[in-house]
Amino acid sequence: MNSIMRPHVFINVAASADGRISDESRRQIRISCEEDMQRVDRLRAESDAIVVGIGTVLSDDPRLTVKSQALREERVKNGRTPNPLRVVVDSRARTPLNARVLDGEAETLVAVSDLADEERVAALREKASVFVAGQEKVDLRALMEYLYSIGVRRVMVEGGARLNHSLIAEGLVDEIMVYYGGMIIGNGPCIADGPSFKPPVPLELVRVSRLGSGVLAVWKVLADKS
């Protein structure tokens, strides 16, 4: 792959002990403990952008903002906006116009492909910035290069599983943080949902620690990255 200028990208995910992030309904399941939710809020506050896929928006309708007023105030004190940029990877412009990521509480960028319906894109432009790249699917490398060009240096990816897989496949991920909750889910999407990586993507364990009722593992991605 040709190298590009891009931000530091890390995936943060909560999974069951058997590596599932949801059940077969793909609806949100509370896996994180309170301590992990506080950790996630600080990660958001320390990031320049939070990226999710359209599946996460449709199933969970997340707000993707910093919950802690103290952390928002800390960002403002450091000359930043109260919340990071919210980015939705949405190839066909399916983001509902009443989605919470379009509530105006933080700046939002919707990334679409050339295949997206022009009327849908025009409607989204009324509520968010729109970035177009890729013929049928969003060109993730182009998106990361664009984010870097507008000053984004640290990107937090909050799912879903298909987006995680695509980013890893493109060599665009530097770190993966997994909070393993004390539960077994069984059937459902895993951390990276897609075809098998051949060969498997190698990781290096950076640290592991007990957190609340679960375990936090931080991995460095060793695969060749752009």
C-alpha atoms as a PDB file:
ATOM      1  CA  MET A   1       0.000   0.000   0.000  1.00  0.00           C
ATOM      2  CA  ASN A   2       1.150   3.513  -0.704  1.00  0.00           C
ATOM      3  CA  SER A   3       1.738   5.442   2.509  1.00  0.00           C
ATOM      4  CA  ILE A   4      -0.578   8.321   3.332  1.00  0.00           C
ATOM      5  CA  MET A   5      -0.616  11.032   5.938  1.00  0.00           C
ATOM      6  CA  ARG A   6      -3.291   9.936   8.369  1.00  0.00           C
ATOM      7  CA  PRO A   7      -4.229  10.222  12.044  1.00  0.00           C
ATOM      8  CA  HIS A   8      -3.418   7.734  14.771  1.00  0.00           C
ATOM      9  CA  VAL A   9      -6.409   5.385  14.683  1.00  0.00           C
ATOM     10  CA  PHE A  10      -7.549   3.169  17.526  1.00  0.00           C
ATOM     11  CA  ILE A  11     -10.560   0.895  17.864  1.00  0.00           C
ATOM     12  CA  ASN A  12     -12.291   0.806  21.234  1.00  0.00           C
ATOM     13  CA  VAL A  13     -14.821  -1.928  21.827  1.00  0.00           C
ATOM     14  CA  ALA A  14     -16.599  -3.753  24.639  1.00  0.00           C
ATOM     15  CA  ALA A  15     -16.970  -7.490  24.141  1.00  0.00           C
ATOM     16  CA  SER A  16     -18.216 -10.472  26.076  1.00  0.00           C
ATOM     17  CA  ALA A  17     -15.779 -13.085  27.337  1.00  0.00           C
ATOM     18  CA  ASP A  18     -16.464 -15.028  24.139  1.00  0.00           C
ATOM     19  CA  GLY A  19     -15.601 -12.019  21.961  1.00  0.00           C
ATOM     20  CA  ARG A  20     -19.113 -10.932  20.960  1.00  0.00           C
ATOM     21  CA  ILE A  21     -20.108  -7.276  20.857  1.00  0.00           C
ATOM     22  CA  SER A  22     -23.846  -7.955  20.505  1.00  0.00           C
ATOM     23  CA  ASP A  23     -26.271 -10.812  19.906  1.00  0.00           C
ATOM     24  CA  GLU A  24     -27.789 -11.855  16.586  1.00  0.00           C
ATOM     25  CA  SER A  25     -30.175  -8.871  16.671  1.00  0.00           C
ATOM     26  CA  ARG A  26     -27.103  -6.576  16.459  1.00  0.00           C
ATOM     27  CA  ARG A  27     -28.757  -4.302  19.009  1.00  0.00           C
ATOM     28  CA  GLN A  28     -26.757  -2.654  21.738  1.00  0.00           C
ATOM     29  CA  ILE A  29     -26.103  -4.784  24.819  1.00  0.00           C
ATOM     30  CA  ARG A  30     -24.719  -3.233  27.986  1.00  0.00           C
ATOM     31  CA  ILE A  31     -21.331  -4.901  28.426  1.00  0.00           C
ATOM     32  CA  SER A  32     -19.213  -2.143  29.981  1.00  0.00           C
ATOM     33  CA  CYS A  33     -19.125  -1.543  33.705  1.00  0.00           C
ATOM     34  CA  GLU A  34     -19.268   1.983  35.139  1.00  0.00           C
ATOM     35  CA  GLU A  35     -15.472   2.203  35.334  1.00  0.00           C
ATOM     36  CA  ASP A  36     -15.153   1.317  31.664  1.00  0.00           C
ATOM     37  CA  MET A  37     -17.783   3.876  30.663  1.00  0.00           C
ATOM     38  CA  GLN A  38     -15.740   6.547  32.449  1.00  0.00           C
ATOM     39  CA  ARG A  39     -12.635   5.358  30.589  1.00  0.00           C
ATOM     40  CA  VAL A  40     -14.478   5.567  27.266  1.00  0.00           C
ATOM     41  CA  ASP A  41     -15.662   9.093  28.027  1.00  0.00           C
ATOM     42  CA  ARG A  42     -12.084  10.199  28.660  1.00  0.00           C
ATOM     43  CA  LEU A  43     -10.946   8.521  25.434  1.00  0.00           C
ATOM     44  CA  ARG A  44     -13.575  10.508  23.582  1.00  0.00           C
ATOM     45  CA  ALA A  45     -12.428  13.714  25.250  1.00  0.00           C
ATOM     46  CA  GLU A  46      -8.828  12.996  24.244  1.00  0.00           C
ATOM     47  CA  SER A  47      -9.726  12.323  20.594  1.00  0.00           C
ATOM     48  CA  ASP A  48     -10.094  14.693  17.664  1.00  0.00           C
ATOM     49  CA  ALA A  49     -12.740  12.584  15.942  1.00  0.00           C
ATOM     50  CA  ILE A  50     -15.039   9.661  16.732  1.00  0.00           C
ATOM     51  CA  VAL A  51     -15.852   7.361  13.815  1.00  0.00           C
ATOM     52  CA  VAL A  52     -18.732   4.895  13.522  1.00  0.00           C
ATOM     53  CA  GLY A  53     -20.360   2.955  10.725  1.00  0.00           C
ATOM     54  CA  ILE A  54     -23.923   3.427   9.550  1.00  0.00           C
ATOM     55  CA  GLY A  55     -24.939   0.116  11.160  1.00  0.00           C
ATOM     56  CA  THR A  56     -24.121   1.526  14.584  1.00  0.00           C
ATOM     57  CA  VAL A  57     -26.141   4.663  13.873  1.00  0.00           C
ATOM     58  CA  LEU A  58     -29.161   2.656  12.710  1.00  0.00           C
ATOM     59  CA  SER A  59     -29.106   0.130  15.563  1.00  0.00           C
ATOM     60  CA  ASP A  60     -27.957   2.233  18.529  1.00  0.00           C
ATOM     61  CA  ASP A  61     -28.586   5.880  17.530  1.00  0.00           C
ATOM     62  CA  PRO A  62     -25.545   7.062  19.535  1.00  0.00           C
ATOM     63  CA  ARG A  63     -24.885  10.714  20.340  1.00  0.00           C
ATOM     64  CA  LEU A  64     -21.076  10.292  20.304  1.00  0.00           C
ATOM     65  CA  THR A  65     -20.423  13.235  22.593  1.00  0.00           C
ATOM     66  CA  VAL A  66     -18.397  13.640  25.784  1.00  0.00           C
ATOM     67  CA  LYS A  67     -20.746  13.048  28.714  1.00  0.00           C
ATOM     68  CA  SER A  68     -18.655  14.620  31.473  1.00  0.00           C
ATOM     69  CA  GLN A  69     -19.055  18.378  31.775  1.00  0.00           C
ATOM     70  CA  ALA A  70     -15.614  18.557  33.396  1.00  0.00           C
ATOM     71  CA  LEU A  71     -14.014  16.833  30.409  1.00  0.00           C
ATOM     72  CA  ARG A  72     -15.837  19.118  27.968  1.00  0.00           C
ATOM     73  CA  GLU A  73     -14.652  22.140  29.924  1.00  0.00           C
ATOM     74  CA  GLU A  74     -11.126  20.755  29.898  1.00  0.00           C
ATOM     75  CA  ARG A  75     -11.250  20.533  26.103  1.00  0.00           C
ATOM     76  CA  VAL A  76     -12.462  24.130  25.816  1.00  0.00           C
ATOM     77  CA  LYS A  77      -9.742  25.292  28.209  1.00  0.00           C
ATOM     78  CA  ASN A  78      -7.212  23.714  25.853  1.00  0.00           C
ATOM     79  CA  GLY A  79      -8.619  25.612  22.876  1.00  0.00           C
ATOM     80  CA  ARG A  80     -10.718  22.791  21.461  1.00  0.00           C
ATOM     81  CA  THR A  81     -14.411  22.352  20.811  1.00  0.00           C
ATOM     82  CA  PRO A  82     -16.430  20.805  23.681  1.00  0.00           C
ATOM     83  CA  ASN A  83     -16.846  17.591  21.690  1.00  0.00           C
ATOM     84  CA  PRO A  84     -14.779  15.832  19.014  1.00  0.00           C
ATOM     85  CA  LEU A  85     -15.834  15.728  15.381  1.00  0.00           C
ATOM     86  CA  ARG A  86     -18.393  12.958  14.794  1.00  0.00           C
ATOM     87  CA  VAL A  87     -17.839  10.930  11.616  1.00  0.00           C
ATOM     88  CA  VAL A  88     -20.331   8.472  10.138  1.00  0.00           C
ATOM     89  CA  VAL A  89     -19.175   6.063   7.414  1.00  0.00           C
ATOM     90  CA  ASP A  90     -22.366   5.768   5.387  1.00  0.00           C
ATOM     91  CA  SER A  91     -21.777   4.637   1.801  1.00  0.00           C
ATOM     92  CA  ARG A  92     -25.406   4.986   0.680  1.00  0.00           C
ATOM     93  CA  ALA A  93     -26.365   8.059   2.754  1.00  0.00           C
ATOM     94  CA  ARG A  94     -28.809   6.138   4.947  1.00  0.00           C
ATOM     95  CA  THR A  95     -28.278   8.232   8.080  1.00  0.00           C
ATOM     96  CA  PRO A  96     -31.752   9.216   9.355  1.00  0.00           C
ATOM     97  CA  LEU A  97     -32.233  12.975   9.407  1.00  0.00           C
ATOM     98  CA  ASN A  98     -33.441  12.709  13.006  1.00  0.00           C
ATOM     99  CA  ALA A  99     -30.408  10.684  14.141  1.00  0.00           C
ATOM    100  CA  ARG A 100     -28.785  11.997  17.289  1.00  0.00           C
ATOM    101  CA  VAL A 101     -25.454  12.421  15.502  1.00  0.00           C
ATOM    102  CA  LEU A 102     -27.174  15.191  13.533  1.00  0.00           C
ATOM    103  CA  ASP A 103     -28.511  17.002  16.605  1.00  0.00           C
ATOM    104  CA  GLY A 104     -26.123  19.948  16.268  1.00  0.00           C
ATOM    105  CA  GLU A 105     -24.518  19.269  19.639  1.00  0.00           C
ATOM    106  CA  ALA A 106     -21.184  18.640  17.904  1.00  0.00           C
ATOM    107  CA  GLU A 107     -19.823  18.992  14.392  1.00  0.00           C
ATOM    108  CA  THR A 108     -20.617  15.978  12.225  1.00  0.00           C
ATOM    109  CA  LEU A 109     -19.156  14.649   8.978  1.00  0.00           C
ATOM    110  CA  VAL A 110     -20.985  12.005   6.960  1.00  0.00           C
ATOM    111  CA  ALA A 111     -18.762  10.076   4.536  1.00  0.00           C
ATOM    112  CA  VAL A 112     -20.591   8.659   1.510  1.00  0.00           C
ATOM    113  CA  SER A 113     -19.710   6.971  -1.776  1.00  0.00           C
ATOM    114  CA  ASP A 114     -20.532   7.959  -5.351  1.00  0.00           C
ATOM    115  CA  LEU A 115     -23.435   5.513  -5.139  1.00  0.00           C
ATOM    116  CA  ALA A 116     -25.272   7.605  -2.549  1.00  0.00           C
ATOM    117  CA  ASP A 117     -28.621   9.097  -3.583  1.00  0.00           C
ATOM    118  CA  GLU A 118     -28.163  12.769  -4.503  1.00  0.00           C
ATOM    119  CA  GLU A 119     -31.348  13.882  -2.749  1.00  0.00           C
ATOM    120  CA  ARG A 120     -30.311  12.080   0.438  1.00  0.00           C
ATOM    121  CA  VAL A 121     -26.889  13.684   0.275  1.00  0.00           C
ATOM    122  CA  ALA A 122     -28.424  17.124  -0.241  1.00  0.00           C
ATOM    123  CA  ALA A 123     -30.655  16.621   2.794  1.00  0.00           C
ATOM    124  CA  LEU A 124     -27.694  15.521   4.908  1.00  0.00           C
ATOM    125  CA  ARG A 125     -25.744  18.624   3.871  1.00  0.00           C
ATOM    126  CA  GLU A 126     -28.409  20.687   5.642  1.00  0.00           C
ATOM    127  CA  LYS A 127     -27.348  19.136   8.949  1.00  0.00           C
ATOM    128  CA  ALA A 128     -23.739  18.022   8.501  1.00  0.00           C
ATOM    129  CA  SER A 129     -20.660  18.200   6.323  1.00  0.00           C
ATOM    130  CA  VAL A 130     -20.527  15.502   3.643  1.00  0.00           C
ATOM    131  CA  PHE A 131     -17.363  13.883   2.299  1.00  0.00           C
ATOM    132  CA  VAL A 132     -17.649  11.859  -0.923  1.00  0.00           C
ATOM    133  CA  ALA A 133     -15.036   9.231  -1.806  1.00  0.00           C
ATOM    134  CA  GLY A 134     -15.234   5.760  -3.329  1.00  0.00           C
ATOM    135  CA  GLN A 135     -17.431   4.280  -6.030  1.00  0.00           C
ATOM    136  CA  GLU A 136     -19.656   1.789  -4.173  1.00  0.00           C
ATOM    137  CA  LYS A 137     -18.195   1.977  -0.660  1.00  0.00           C
ATOM    138  CA  VAL A 138     -16.536   4.817   1.192  1.00  0.00           C
ATOM    139  CA  ASP A 139     -12.820   4.946   0.431  1.00  0.00           C
ATOM    140  CA  LEU A 140     -11.532   4.677   3.989  1.00  0.00           C
ATOM    141  CA  ARG A 141      -7.974   5.581   3.098  1.00  0.00           C
ATOM    142  CA  ALA A 142      -9.163   8.761   1.396  1.00  0.00           C
ATOM    143  CA  LEU A 143     -11.340   9.541   4.413  1.00  0.00           C
ATOM    144  CA  MET A 144      -8.426   9.203   6.840  1.00  0.00           C
ATOM    145  CA  GLU A 145      -6.231  11.304   4.595  1.00  0.00           C
ATOM    146  CA  TYR A 146      -8.939  13.979   4.502  1.00  0.00           C
ATOM    147  CA  LEU A 147      -9.355  13.929   8.280  1.00  0.00           C
ATOM    148  CA  TYR A 148      -5.624  14.456   8.661  1.00  0.00           C
ATOM    149  CA  SER A 149      -5.770  17.387   6.226  1.00  0.00           C
ATOM    150  CA  ILE A 150      -8.328  19.183   8.407  1.00  0.00           C
ATOM    151  CA  GLY A 151      -6.262  18.780  11.566  1.00  0.00           C
ATOM    152  CA  VAL A 152      -7.511  15.474  12.983  1.00  0.00           C
ATOM    153  CA  ARG A 153      -4.607  13.630  14.599  1.00  0.00           C
ATOM    154  CA  ARG A 154      -6.300  11.090  16.876  1.00  0.00           C
ATOM    155  CA  VAL A 155      -9.286   9.023  15.776  1.00  0.00           C
ATOM    156  CA  MET A 156     -11.399   6.833  18.028  1.00  0.00           C
ATOM    157  CA  VAL A 157     -13.395   4.137  16.230  1.00  0.00           C
ATOM    158  CA  GLU A 158     -16.498   2.949  18.107  1.00  0.00           C
ATOM    159  CA  GLY A 159     -17.732   0.307  15.665  1.00  0.00           C
ATOM    160  CA  GLY A 160     -19.415  -1.485  14.403  1.00  0.00           C
ATOM    161  CA  ALA A 161     -17.880  -4.826  13.653  1.00  0.00           C
ATOM    162  CA  ARG A 162     -17.926  -4.449   9.857  1.00  0.00           C
ATOM    163  CA  LEU A 163     -16.235  -1.050   9.979  1.00  0.00           C
ATOM    164  CA  ASN A 164     -13.629  -2.434  12.364  1.00  0.00           C
ATOM    165  CA  HIS A 165     -12.920  -5.249   9.909  1.00  0.00           C
ATOM    166  CA  SER A 166     -12.660  -2.894   6.929  1.00  0.00           C
ATOM    167  CA  LEU A 167     -10.271  -0.529   8.696  1.00  0.00           C
ATOM    168  CA  ILE A 168      -8.047  -3.397   9.819  1.00  0.00           C
ATOM    169  CA  ALA A 169      -8.109  -4.869   6.306  1.00  0.00           C
ATOM    170  CA  GLU A 170      -6.961  -1.520   4.884  1.00  0.00           C
ATOM    171  CA  GLY A 171      -4.087  -1.324   7.371  1.00  0.00           C
ATOM    172  CA  LEU A 172      -5.528   1.813   8.939  1.00  0.00           C
ATOM    173  CA  VAL A 173      -5.589   0.763  12.603  1.00  0.00           C
ATOM    174  CA  ASP A 174      -2.758   1.340  15.097  1.00  0.00           C
ATOM    175  CA  GLU A 175      -4.312   0.093  18.348  1.00  0.00           C
ATOM    176  CA  ILE A 176      -7.233  -2.026  19.487  1.00  0.00           C
ATOM    177  CA  MET A 177      -8.618  -1.606  23.005  1.00  0.00           C
ATOM    178  CA  VAL A 178     -10.982  -4.334  24.171  1.00  0.00           C
ATOM    179  CA  TYR A 179     -12.916  -4.314  27.418  1.00  0.00           C
ATOM    180  CA  TYR A 180     -14.013  -7.900  28.118  1.00  0.00           C
ATOM    181  CA  GLY A 181     -17.137  -7.986  30.266  1.00  0.00           C
ATOM    182  CA  GLY A 182     -18.038 -10.849  32.554  1.00  0.00           C
ATOM    183  CA  MET A 183     -20.636 -12.529  30.359  1.00  0.00           C
ATOM    184  CA  ILE A 184     -21.118 -15.045  27.549  1.00  0.00           C
ATOM    185  CA  ILE A 185     -23.381 -13.994  24.662  1.00  0.00           C
ATOM    186  CA  GLY A 186     -23.065 -16.834  22.164  1.00  0.00           C
ATOM    187  CA  ASN A 187     -24.190 -16.102  18.618  1.00  0.00           C
ATOM    188  CA  GLY A 188     -23.564 -12.548  17.425  1.00  0.00           C
ATOM    189  CA  PRO A 189     -21.076 -10.249  15.702  1.00  0.00           C
ATOM    190  CA  CYS A 190     -17.488 -10.382  16.853  1.00  0.00           C
ATOM    191  CA  ILE A 191     -14.998  -7.537  17.223  1.00  0.00           C
ATOM    192  CA  ALA A 192     -14.096  -7.564  13.518  1.00  0.00           C
ATOM    193  CA  ASP A 193     -16.899  -9.023  11.408  1.00  0.00           C
ATOM    194  CA  GLY A 194     -15.936 -10.083   7.890  1.00  0.00           C
ATOM    195  CA  PRO A 195     -13.922 -12.611   5.876  1.00  0.00           C
ATOM    196  CA  SER A 196     -10.991 -14.286   7.598  1.00  0.00           C
ATOM    197  CA  PHE A 197      -7.688 -12.443   7.420  1.00  0.00           C
ATOM    198  CA  LYS A 198      -5.173 -14.648   5.633  1.00  0.00           C
ATOM    199  CA  PRO A 199      -2.735 -14.646   7.268  1.00  0.00           C
ATOM    200  CA  PRO A 200      -4.228 -13.474  10.583  1.00  0.00           C
ATOM    201  CA  VAL A 201      -3.383  -9.901  11.572  1.00  0.00           C
ATOM    202  CA  PRO A 202      -0.665 -10.023  14.257  1.00  0.00           C
ATOM    203  CA  LEU A 203      -1.073  -8.039  17.475  1.00  0.00           C
ATOM    204  CA  GLU A 204       1.271  -7.187  20.330  1.00  0.00           C
ATOM    205  CA  LEU A 205      -0.171  -7.037  23.832  1.00  0.00           C
ATOM    206  CA  VAL A 206       0.677  -3.626  25.285  1.00  0.00           C
ATOM    207  CA  ARG A 207      -1.053  -4.036  28.624  1.00  0.00           C
ATOM    208  CA  VAL A 208      -3.823  -5.902  30.377  1.00  0.00           C
ATOM    209  CA  SER A 209      -5.551  -4.887  33.589  1.00  0.00           C
ATOM    210  CA  ARG A 210      -8.617  -5.610  35.637  1.00  0.00           C
ATOM    211  CA  LEU A 211     -11.216  -2.875  35.303  1.00  0.00           C
ATOM    212  CA  GLY A 212     -14.339  -3.022  37.428  1.00  0.00           C
ATOM    213  CA  SER A 213     -16.033  -6.345  36.770  1.00  0.00           C
ATOM    214  CA  GLY A 214     -14.062  -7.060  33.593  1.00  0.00           C
ATOM    215  CA  VAL A 215     -10.660  -6.957  31.924  1.00  0.00           C
ATOM    216  CA  LEU A 216      -9.127  -4.312  29.644  1.00  0.00           C
ATOM    217  CA  ALA A 217      -6.655  -5.447  26.989  1.00  0.00           C
ATOM    218  CA  VAL A 218      -4.753  -3.004  24.800  1.00  0.00           C
ATOM    219  CA  TRP A 219      -3.182  -4.359  21.611  1.00  0.00           C
ATOM    220  CA  LYS A 220      -0.797  -2.780  19.110  1.00  0.00           C
ATOM    221  CA  VAL A 221      -1.475  -3.771  15.493  1.00  0.00           C
ATOM    222  CA  LEU A 222       1.691  -5.138  13.925  1.00  0.00           C
ATOM    223  CA  ALA A 223       0.432  -5.517  10.362  1.00  0.00           C
ATOM    224  CA  ASP A 224       1.928  -3.264   7.681  1.00  0.00           C
ATOM    225  CA  LYS A 225       0.094   0.054   7.968  1.00  0.00           C
ATOM    226  CA  SER A 226      -0.226   2.949   5.538  1.00  0.00           C
END
